[in-house]
Amino acid sequence: MPSKLRVGVLFGGRSAEHEVSLVSAASVINALDKNKYEIIPIGITPEGRWMSNQDSLALLKAKSDVSHVAEYVIVPDPGKQGLVRLHSAADGANIIDVLFPILHGTYGEDGTIQGLFELADIPYVGAGVLGSAVGMDKVIQKQLLQHAKIPVAPGIWFLSNEFQKNQKKLVGEIERRLKYPAFVKPANMGSSVGISKAHNREELVNAIRVAGEYDRKILVEKGIVNAREIECSVLGNEEPIASVPGEIIPSNEFYDYDAKYVDGKSKAIIPARLPKTTVKKIQEYAERAFSVLDCAGMARVDFLVQRKLNKIYLNEINTIPGFTSISMFPKLWAASGISYPQLLDRLIELAIERHTATTRLKTDYYPKQDWYRR
């Protein structure tokens, strides 16, 4: 292995969170220790074209025409373990020691690209195929958390075509079981894209249609009255640890896309002003959820905590949390004593540790007789 680890940082992607990914990736690339790592930028356009050069990030930010830029891909061949240039007669691959995906949302955080990494046999930061897929799907995630006796907000899920056929029945069930206000969410999406808060029937129907533009599976959850938005970061593999919790004071009625990234008016209070017993319980739930959902490396776990009662609800887990300058994941760890560069170092170490453990597992079996040759 060379003196510097070759770290492939992936960003962009085919997702509604493409722009968020670019900002996160810029922060990661700037913070990685250049004395330890050789950074290989890997940009993915909104159409899915892969490229790798030092201008990849700038080209995607500027929405430039990249048809002239050479295409590179990761191939599912463990003998390559790196980027391969398409339409090239040259042999070999641009070897990568560890991949750092900063791909938020679909085709990046949902297990699809993690499957490619597994086939290519390259260590990578973050959860594996199962943990990523479960962490992305709010419905399956909620069911597993309920099974583990971790409190979540009551909810109802259905498919968009089911709503088109039985709108009156489903609306009646939602109003009877959940009442208003209610949050309507696409099951597989992040950064609050496609999420709406409904205060009445008209808003509910419209919110379901909006969510249906992003996913075929829709989740409607009971709005928790007088709720504080609390976030907690988790780090580790088999023995995860939780950071101090922080509180988000959103600039809008809830912490939507604009409040997170656009208007710059939301505030963070770190650490959150909570009773010690509540902090301990939040950290315990965060660590348990991380393990129950088979996560690895990192996650940010979002909670709702009712004022005065301090009743806790786990809202969702994010397996590739934001890494922008205002993102809570690195800020919470900074408040817990781990600086941004140290955090990146640890995530890379965890990726290599997990890959090393996985490669010790057998993938072949030799029967006593060659029965398959008959």
Protein backbone atom coordinates (compact mmCIF):
# COMPACT_ATOMS: atom_id res chain seq x y z
CA MET A 1 0.00 0.00 0.00
CA PRO A 2 1.38 3.48 -0.85
CA SER A 3 2.40 5.92 1.91
CA LYS A 4 -0.82 7.85 1.34
CA LEU A 5 -4.21 6.19 1.34
CA ARG A 6 -6.03 6.79 -1.92
CA VAL A 7 -9.52 7.93 -0.91
CA GLY A 8 -12.23 8.11 -3.55
CA VAL A 9 -14.82 10.74 -2.60
CA LEU A 10 -18.10 10.24 -4.47
CA PHE A 11 -20.56 13.10 -4.87
CA GLY A 12 -23.50 14.34 -6.91
CA GLY A 13 -25.61 11.45 -8.12
CA ARG A 14 -29.08 10.74 -9.46
CA SER A 15 -31.01 12.20 -6.56
CA ALA A 16 -33.14 15.15 -5.54
CA GLU A 17 -30.35 15.81 -3.01
CA HIS A 18 -27.68 16.22 -5.73
CA GLU A 19 -26.85 19.81 -4.79
CA VAL A 20 -26.64 19.03 -1.07
CA SER A 21 -24.16 16.27 -1.89
CA LEU A 22 -21.90 18.72 -3.75
CA VAL A 23 -21.71 21.07 -0.76
CA SER A 24 -21.09 18.18 1.66
CA ALA A 25 -18.34 16.75 -0.57
CA ALA A 26 -16.57 20.11 -0.82
CA SER A 27 -16.38 20.25 2.99
CA VAL A 28 -15.06 16.68 3.23
CA ILE A 29 -12.41 17.20 0.52
CA ASN A 30 -11.23 20.43 2.14
CA ALA A 31 -10.99 18.82 5.59
CA LEU A 32 -9.23 15.57 4.64
CA ASP A 33 -5.57 15.63 5.68
CA LYS A 34 -3.58 15.96 2.43
CA ASN A 35 -0.50 14.57 4.20
CA LYS A 36 -2.34 11.29 4.87
CA TYR A 37 -4.61 10.94 1.85
CA GLU A 38 -4.49 11.22 -1.89
CA ILE A 39 -8.00 12.34 -2.80
CA ILE A 40 -9.65 10.92 -5.90
CA PRO A 41 -12.77 13.03 -6.67
CA ILE A 42 -15.55 11.02 -8.33
CA GLY A 43 -18.44 13.09 -9.64
CA ILE A 44 -21.74 11.62 -10.77
CA THR A 45 -24.04 13.79 -12.89
CA PRO A 46 -27.81 13.93 -12.33
CA GLU A 47 -28.09 11.66 -15.38
CA GLY A 48 -25.70 9.09 -13.89
CA ARG A 49 -22.50 9.78 -15.85
CA TRP A 50 -19.33 9.16 -13.81
CA MET A 51 -16.17 11.23 -14.12
CA SER A 52 -12.98 11.60 -12.13
CA ASN A 53 -10.68 14.58 -12.35
CA GLN A 54 -9.76 17.54 -10.17
CA ASP A 55 -12.46 19.68 -11.82
CA SER A 56 -15.34 17.24 -11.26
CA LEU A 57 -16.84 19.11 -8.31
CA ALA A 58 -16.59 22.52 -9.98
CA LEU A 59 -18.12 21.18 -13.20
CA LEU A 60 -21.12 19.72 -11.39
CA LYS A 61 -21.64 22.86 -9.29
CA ALA A 62 -21.62 24.97 -12.46
CA LYS A 63 -23.94 22.48 -14.23
CA SER A 64 -21.43 22.46 -17.09
CA ASP A 65 -21.56 20.24 -20.15
CA VAL A 66 -19.37 17.24 -19.27
CA SER A 67 -19.81 15.25 -22.48
CA HIS A 68 -16.14 15.90 -23.32
CA VAL A 69 -14.87 14.61 -19.96
CA ALA A 70 -13.56 11.05 -19.82
CA GLU A 71 -15.90 8.59 -18.11
CA TYR A 72 -14.65 6.43 -15.24
CA VAL A 73 -16.57 3.70 -13.46
CA ILE A 74 -16.13 1.23 -10.64
CA VAL A 75 -16.53 -2.24 -12.10
CA PRO A 76 -17.80 -5.27 -10.11
CA ASP A 77 -14.46 -7.04 -10.55
CA PRO A 78 -12.52 -7.57 -7.30
CA GLY A 79 -9.36 -7.86 -9.35
CA LYS A 80 -9.55 -4.18 -10.31
CA GLN A 81 -10.43 -2.52 -6.96
CA GLY A 82 -10.60 0.93 -8.47
CA LEU A 83 -11.78 3.21 -11.22
CA VAL A 84 -11.65 2.00 -14.80
CA ARG A 85 -11.74 4.44 -17.70
CA LEU A 86 -14.37 3.66 -20.31
CA HIS A 87 -13.48 3.51 -24.00
CA SER A 88 -9.79 3.11 -23.20
CA ALA A 89 -7.36 0.51 -24.45
CA ALA A 90 -5.18 0.93 -21.36
CA ASP A 91 -5.07 -2.00 -18.98
CA GLY A 92 -5.34 -1.78 -15.22
CA ALA A 93 -7.33 0.44 -12.91
CA ASN A 94 -6.89 3.62 -10.93
CA ILE A 95 -6.51 1.82 -7.60
CA ILE A 96 -8.55 3.10 -4.64
CA ASP A 97 -7.89 2.07 -1.04
CA VAL A 98 -11.18 3.28 0.45
CA LEU A 99 -14.33 4.92 -0.89
CA PHE A 100 -16.07 7.80 0.89
CA PRO A 101 -19.59 8.17 -0.56
CA ILE A 102 -21.15 11.58 0.05
CA LEU A 103 -24.21 10.64 -1.97
CA HIS A 104 -27.43 11.63 -0.23
CA GLY A 105 -30.73 10.05 -1.16
CA THR A 106 -31.60 7.55 -3.89
CA TYR A 107 -28.85 5.63 -5.72
CA GLY A 108 -26.36 6.65 -3.05
CA GLU A 109 -27.79 6.15 0.42
CA ASP A 110 -30.20 3.32 -0.30
CA GLY A 111 -27.85 0.34 -0.67
CA THR A 112 -27.60 0.37 -4.46
CA ILE A 113 -24.11 1.82 -4.75
CA GLN A 114 -23.01 -0.04 -1.61
CA GLY A 115 -23.78 -3.27 -3.48
CA LEU A 116 -21.42 -2.15 -6.24
CA PHE A 117 -18.71 -1.43 -3.67
CA GLU A 118 -19.17 -4.92 -2.21
CA LEU A 119 -18.84 -6.56 -5.62
CA ALA A 120 -15.75 -4.48 -6.37
CA ASP A 121 -14.29 -5.50 -2.96
CA ILE A 122 -13.33 -1.95 -1.98
CA PRO A 123 -13.61 -0.71 1.63
CA TYR A 124 -16.15 2.10 1.99
CA VAL A 125 -17.37 4.50 4.65
CA GLY A 126 -20.84 3.95 6.07
CA ALA A 127 -23.50 1.29 6.30
CA GLY A 128 -23.61 -1.79 4.09
CA VAL A 129 -26.32 -2.81 1.64
CA LEU A 130 -28.93 -3.83 4.23
CA GLY A 131 -28.32 -1.00 6.70
CA SER A 132 -28.39 1.56 3.91
CA ALA A 133 -31.59 0.20 2.37
CA VAL A 134 -33.39 -0.06 5.72
CA GLY A 135 -32.14 3.33 6.82
CA MET A 136 -33.51 4.88 3.64
CA ASP A 137 -36.95 3.26 3.78
CA LYS A 138 -38.90 5.09 6.48
CA VAL A 139 -41.63 2.43 6.55
CA ILE A 140 -39.39 -0.64 7.04
CA GLN A 141 -37.22 1.38 9.43
CA LYS A 142 -40.24 2.27 11.56
CA GLN A 143 -41.41 -1.35 11.70
CA LEU A 144 -38.00 -2.59 12.86
CA LEU A 145 -37.72 0.15 15.47
CA GLN A 146 -41.18 -0.69 16.82
CA HIS A 147 -40.16 -4.35 17.03
CA ALA A 148 -37.10 -3.28 19.06
CA LYS A 149 -39.41 -1.28 21.37
CA ILE A 150 -37.92 2.06 20.37
CA PRO A 151 -40.71 4.69 20.43
CA VAL A 152 -41.75 6.20 17.09
CA ALA A 153 -44.65 8.43 16.04
CA PRO A 154 -47.84 6.57 15.05
CA GLY A 155 -48.19 6.27 11.28
CA ILE A 156 -49.97 4.74 8.31
CA TRP A 157 -48.34 3.78 5.01
CA PHE A 158 -49.76 2.89 1.61
CA LEU A 159 -48.84 2.83 -2.08
CA SER A 160 -49.71 5.80 -4.29
CA ASN A 161 -51.81 3.65 -6.65
CA GLU A 162 -53.77 2.41 -3.63
CA PHE A 163 -54.53 6.03 -2.73
CA GLN A 164 -55.76 6.72 -6.27
CA LYS A 165 -58.19 3.80 -6.00
CA ASN A 166 -59.33 4.27 -2.39
CA GLN A 167 -58.76 7.95 -1.61
CA LYS A 168 -61.90 8.44 0.48
CA LYS A 169 -61.28 5.33 2.57
CA LEU A 170 -57.61 6.14 3.26
CA VAL A 171 -58.30 9.78 4.11
CA GLY A 172 -60.99 8.67 6.55
CA GLU A 173 -58.61 6.17 8.17
CA ILE A 174 -55.88 8.80 8.51
CA GLU A 175 -58.27 11.33 10.08
CA ARG A 176 -59.67 8.71 12.45
CA ARG A 177 -56.36 7.19 13.60
CA LEU A 178 -53.90 10.09 13.40
CA LYS A 179 -55.94 13.31 13.29
CA TYR A 180 -54.34 16.66 12.34
CA PRO A 181 -51.70 17.93 12.05
CA ALA A 182 -50.06 15.08 10.13
CA PHE A 183 -46.77 14.76 8.27
CA VAL A 184 -46.79 13.20 4.82
CA LYS A 185 -43.52 11.73 3.55
CA PRO A 186 -42.18 9.78 0.59
CA ALA A 187 -40.81 6.58 2.18
CA ASN A 188 -37.46 6.83 0.39
CA MET A 189 -36.12 10.38 0.32
CA GLY A 190 -33.98 12.65 2.47
CA SER A 191 -33.33 16.34 3.23
CA SER A 192 -37.09 16.70 3.83
CA VAL A 193 -37.69 16.62 0.06
CA GLY A 194 -41.34 15.84 -0.68
CA ILE A 195 -42.39 16.18 2.99
CA SER A 196 -45.42 18.32 3.88
CA LYS A 197 -47.33 19.15 7.03
CA ALA A 198 -51.09 18.84 6.63
CA HIS A 199 -53.54 20.71 8.89
CA ASN A 200 -56.76 19.70 7.12
CA ARG A 201 -58.18 17.36 4.50
CA GLU A 202 -57.36 19.56 1.50
CA GLU A 203 -53.72 19.90 2.59
CA LEU A 204 -53.54 16.17 3.29
CA VAL A 205 -54.68 15.17 -0.20
CA ASN A 206 -52.30 17.66 -1.82
CA ALA A 207 -49.41 16.50 0.40
CA ILE A 208 -49.98 12.88 -0.59
CA ARG A 209 -49.84 13.85 -4.26
CA VAL A 210 -46.56 15.73 -3.70
CA ALA A 211 -45.03 12.77 -1.84
CA GLY A 212 -46.17 10.48 -4.65
CA GLU A 213 -43.99 12.43 -7.08
CA TYR A 214 -40.91 11.10 -5.28
CA ASP A 215 -41.87 7.57 -4.23
CA ARG A 216 -44.55 4.96 -4.80
CA LYS A 217 -44.63 4.26 -1.05
CA ILE A 218 -46.06 7.01 1.16
CA LEU A 219 -45.95 7.39 4.94
CA VAL A 220 -48.34 9.57 6.95
CA GLU A 221 -47.35 10.20 10.57
CA LYS A 222 -49.14 11.81 13.48
CA GLY A 223 -47.75 15.26 14.20
CA ILE A 224 -46.22 15.38 17.68
CA VAL A 225 -47.58 18.49 19.38
CA ASN A 226 -45.10 20.87 21.09
CA ALA A 227 -42.16 18.84 19.81
CA ARG A 228 -38.51 19.87 19.91
CA GLU A 229 -36.26 18.64 17.07
CA ILE A 230 -33.27 16.87 18.60
CA GLU A 231 -30.41 15.23 16.71
CA CYS A 232 -27.73 12.82 17.87
CA SER A 233 -24.71 11.52 15.93
CA VAL A 234 -23.46 7.93 16.11
CA LEU A 235 -19.99 6.61 15.29
CA GLY A 236 -18.64 3.05 15.21
CA ASN A 237 -19.26 -0.45 13.88
CA GLU A 238 -20.16 -3.24 16.32
CA GLU A 239 -19.73 -0.97 19.35
CA PRO A 240 -21.26 2.39 18.37
CA ILE A 241 -21.04 5.49 20.53
CA ALA A 242 -23.40 8.48 20.55
CA SER A 243 -22.50 12.17 20.63
CA VAL A 244 -24.07 14.84 22.75
CA PRO A 245 -27.54 15.68 21.40
CA GLY A 246 -28.22 19.03 19.75
CA GLU A 247 -31.46 20.93 19.15
CA ILE A 248 -32.58 22.47 15.87
CA ILE A 249 -34.70 25.63 15.99
CA PRO A 250 -36.15 25.63 12.45
CA SER A 251 -36.85 28.87 10.64
CA ASN A 252 -40.03 27.39 9.15
CA GLU A 253 -42.94 25.54 10.72
CA PHE A 254 -40.82 22.39 10.51
CA TYR A 255 -37.25 21.61 9.44
CA ASP A 256 -37.89 21.45 5.69
CA TYR A 257 -35.39 21.75 2.79
CA ASP A 258 -35.41 25.56 2.79
CA ALA A 259 -34.93 25.73 6.56
CA LYS A 260 -32.02 23.27 6.33
CA TYR A 261 -30.08 24.73 3.42
CA VAL A 262 -31.53 27.83 1.79
CA ASP A 263 -32.57 30.66 4.11
CA GLY A 264 -29.77 30.23 6.67
CA LYS A 265 -32.08 31.27 9.53
CA SER A 266 -32.39 27.97 11.40
CA LYS A 267 -30.39 27.75 14.62
CA ALA A 268 -28.63 24.93 16.40
CA ILE A 269 -28.22 24.68 20.16
CA ILE A 270 -25.35 22.32 21.05
CA PRO A 271 -25.59 20.64 23.44
CA ALA A 272 -29.37 20.59 23.70
CA ARG A 273 -30.77 21.89 26.97
CA LEU A 274 -32.35 18.68 28.23
CA PRO A 275 -32.48 16.82 31.55
CA LYS A 276 -29.57 14.39 32.00
CA THR A 277 -31.94 11.42 32.07
CA THR A 278 -33.45 12.49 28.73
CA VAL A 279 -29.99 12.93 27.17
CA LYS A 280 -28.97 9.47 28.35
CA LYS A 281 -32.14 7.92 26.93
CA ILE A 282 -31.69 9.66 23.56
CA GLN A 283 -28.11 8.37 23.32
CA GLU A 284 -29.25 4.88 24.28
CA TYR A 285 -32.00 4.88 21.63
CA ALA A 286 -29.57 6.23 19.01
CA GLU A 287 -27.02 3.49 19.68
CA ARG A 288 -29.71 0.77 19.76
CA ALA A 289 -31.30 1.98 16.52
CA PHE A 290 -27.86 2.01 14.87
CA SER A 291 -27.34 -1.64 15.80
CA VAL A 292 -30.92 -2.81 15.15
CA LEU A 293 -30.85 -1.35 11.62
CA ASP A 294 -27.43 -2.91 10.92
CA CYS A 295 -25.66 0.41 10.38
CA ALA A 296 -21.91 0.90 10.27
CA GLY A 297 -19.46 3.77 10.40
CA MET A 298 -21.77 6.70 10.91
CA ALA A 299 -25.34 7.87 11.24
CA ARG A 300 -27.33 10.83 12.46
CA VAL A 301 -30.43 9.93 14.43
CA ASP A 302 -33.25 12.48 14.59
CA PHE A 303 -35.70 12.64 17.48
CA LEU A 304 -38.81 14.54 18.49
CA VAL A 305 -39.04 15.38 22.19
CA GLN A 306 -42.27 16.76 23.62
CA ARG A 307 -41.85 19.87 25.74
CA LYS A 308 -42.45 19.59 29.51
CA LEU A 309 -43.20 15.86 29.26
CA ASN A 310 -39.82 15.12 27.60
CA LYS A 311 -41.42 12.16 25.87
CA ILE A 312 -39.06 10.87 23.17
CA TYR A 313 -39.91 9.69 19.64
CA LEU A 314 -37.27 8.50 17.18
CA ASN A 315 -38.08 10.26 13.91
CA GLU A 316 -35.55 8.74 11.50
CA ILE A 317 -31.96 7.64 10.97
CA ASN A 318 -29.68 9.02 8.25
CA THR A 319 -26.87 6.68 7.19
CA ILE A 320 -25.06 9.34 5.11
CA PRO A 321 -25.68 12.53 7.08
CA GLY A 322 -24.84 15.98 5.79
CA PHE A 323 -21.22 17.12 5.93
CA THR A 324 -21.69 20.79 5.05
CA SER A 325 -20.27 23.56 7.23
CA ILE A 326 -23.65 23.86 8.98
CA SER A 327 -24.41 20.13 9.21
CA MET A 328 -25.20 18.68 12.61
CA PHE A 329 -23.28 15.40 12.28
CA PRO A 330 -19.77 16.95 12.40
CA LYS A 331 -20.86 19.79 14.71
CA LEU A 332 -22.21 17.34 17.29
CA TRP A 333 -18.96 15.38 17.25
CA ALA A 334 -16.93 18.59 17.54
CA ALA A 335 -18.95 19.38 20.68
CA SER A 336 -18.21 15.84 21.89
CA GLY A 337 -14.44 16.29 21.48
CA ILE A 338 -13.79 14.95 17.97
CA SER A 339 -12.75 17.57 15.40
CA TYR A 340 -13.86 17.42 11.76
CA PRO A 341 -10.48 16.08 10.45
CA GLN A 342 -10.31 13.56 13.31
CA LEU A 343 -13.86 12.46 12.49
CA LEU A 344 -12.95 11.82 8.85
CA ASP A 345 -9.87 9.85 9.93
CA ARG A 346 -12.00 7.69 12.22
CA LEU A 347 -14.60 7.03 9.52
CA ILE A 348 -11.90 5.85 7.12
CA GLU A 349 -10.42 3.62 9.84
CA LEU A 350 -13.86 2.13 10.53
CA ALA A 351 -14.37 1.43 6.82
CA ILE A 352 -11.09 -0.45 6.59
CA GLU A 353 -11.74 -2.32 9.86
CA ARG A 354 -15.13 -3.51 8.63
CA HIS A 355 -13.76 -4.55 5.23
CA THR A 356 -10.91 -6.47 6.88
CA ALA A 357 -13.38 -8.33 9.10
CA THR A 358 -15.63 -9.11 6.14
CA THR A 359 -12.82 -10.46 3.97
CA ARG A 360 -12.07 -13.07 6.64
CA LEU A 361 -15.49 -14.64 6.01
CA LYS A 362 -15.73 -17.57 3.63
CA THR A 363 -17.45 -17.05 0.29
CA ASP A 364 -16.79 -20.54 -1.08
CA TYR A 365 -17.64 -24.11 -0.11
CA TYR A 366 -16.10 -27.32 -1.39
CA PRO A 367 -18.44 -30.32 -1.29
CA LYS A 368 -17.05 -33.79 -0.71
CA GLN A 369 -18.03 -34.84 -4.22
CA ASP A 370 -18.14 -32.89 -7.48
CA TRP A 371 -21.87 -33.61 -7.81
CA TYR A 372 -22.42 -30.53 -9.99
CA ARG A 373 -20.32 -32.04 -12.81
CA ARG A 374 -22.68 -34.97 -13.37
